[in-house]
Amino acid sequence: MNFPPKVAVSKLVNSLKGVSSRRLRQEYPELERHYWRAKRLWSGSYLAAGVGGAPLDTVHRYIEGEQRPS
């Protein structure tokens, strides 16, 4: 993802979370029932990382190979 260098990563992530949350709730109204206590879809944390120009298929394979918490 490319964005202007003057935009803070935290502001970009906040915006992406807000927009995606609204769109997901519109498309899947049942999410509202699932998250009724927290009143939010995403957690407050995020990860921003660079991949040094690696091809997307390489990044995808790496992510898919990661262990999931049990």
Protein backbone atom coordinates (compact mmCIF):
# COMPACT_ATOMS: atom_id res chain seq x y z
CA MET A 1 0.00 0.00 0.00
CA ASN A 2 1.30 3.42 -0.88
CA PHE A 3 0.29 6.61 0.90
CA PRO A 4 1.68 10.14 1.12
CA PRO A 5 4.79 10.28 3.34
CA LYS A 6 3.29 13.11 5.43
CA VAL A 7 0.42 10.88 6.61
CA ALA A 8 1.12 9.27 9.98
CA VAL A 9 0.82 5.48 9.87
CA SER A 10 -1.44 5.57 12.93
CA LYS A 11 -3.87 7.94 11.16
CA LEU A 12 -3.87 5.75 8.03
CA VAL A 13 -4.57 2.61 10.06
CA ASN A 14 -7.32 4.38 12.03
CA SER A 15 -8.96 5.44 8.79
CA LEU A 16 -8.72 1.96 7.25
CA LYS A 17 -10.20 0.37 10.37
CA GLY A 18 -13.05 2.87 10.49
CA VAL A 19 -14.00 2.52 6.84
CA SER A 20 -13.67 -1.27 6.79
CA SER A 21 -15.69 -1.58 10.01
CA ARG A 22 -18.55 0.50 8.59
CA ARG A 23 -18.57 -1.40 5.30
CA LEU A 24 -18.42 -4.82 6.98
CA ARG A 25 -21.26 -3.90 9.34
CA GLN A 26 -23.35 -2.72 6.39
CA GLU A 27 -22.70 -5.89 4.42
CA TYR A 28 -22.94 -8.27 7.40
CA PRO A 29 -25.47 -6.89 9.93
CA GLU A 30 -25.04 -10.00 12.08
CA LEU A 31 -21.63 -8.63 13.15
CA GLU A 32 -23.48 -6.11 15.30
CA ARG A 33 -24.90 -8.91 17.44
CA HIS A 34 -21.53 -10.61 17.74
CA TYR A 35 -19.66 -7.48 18.87
CA TRP A 36 -22.46 -5.78 20.84
CA ARG A 37 -20.44 -5.48 24.07
CA ALA A 38 -17.25 -4.00 22.67
CA LYS A 39 -19.06 -1.74 20.17
CA ARG A 40 -16.06 -2.08 17.91
CA LEU A 41 -14.93 -4.56 15.32
CA TRP A 42 -11.14 -4.10 15.46
CA SER A 43 -8.77 -3.99 18.41
CA GLY A 44 -6.79 -0.84 19.14
CA SER A 45 -3.50 -2.40 18.06
CA TYR A 46 -1.96 -2.79 14.62
CA LEU A 47 1.24 -3.90 12.88
CA ALA A 48 2.93 -1.91 10.15
CA ALA A 49 5.85 -3.61 8.44
CA GLY A 50 7.86 -3.30 5.27
CA VAL A 51 8.79 -6.24 3.09
CA GLY A 52 11.73 -4.72 1.27
CA GLY A 53 10.17 -5.02 -2.18
CA ALA A 54 9.55 -8.77 -1.94
CA PRO A 55 6.99 -10.06 -4.45
CA LEU A 56 3.48 -10.37 -3.04
CA ASP A 57 3.37 -14.14 -3.63
CA THR A 58 6.48 -14.53 -1.44
CA VAL A 59 4.92 -12.42 1.33
CA HIS A 60 1.68 -14.40 1.05
CA ARG A 61 3.51 -17.74 1.35
CA TYR A 62 5.40 -16.47 4.39
CA ILE A 63 2.21 -15.33 6.14
CA GLU A 64 0.40 -18.58 5.33
CA GLY A 65 3.34 -20.53 6.78
CA GLU A 66 3.21 -18.73 10.14
CA GLN A 67 1.91 -20.64 13.15
CA ARG A 68 -1.51 -19.60 14.42
CA PRO A 69 -2.05 -19.30 18.18
CA SER A 70 -3.95 -22.22 19.65
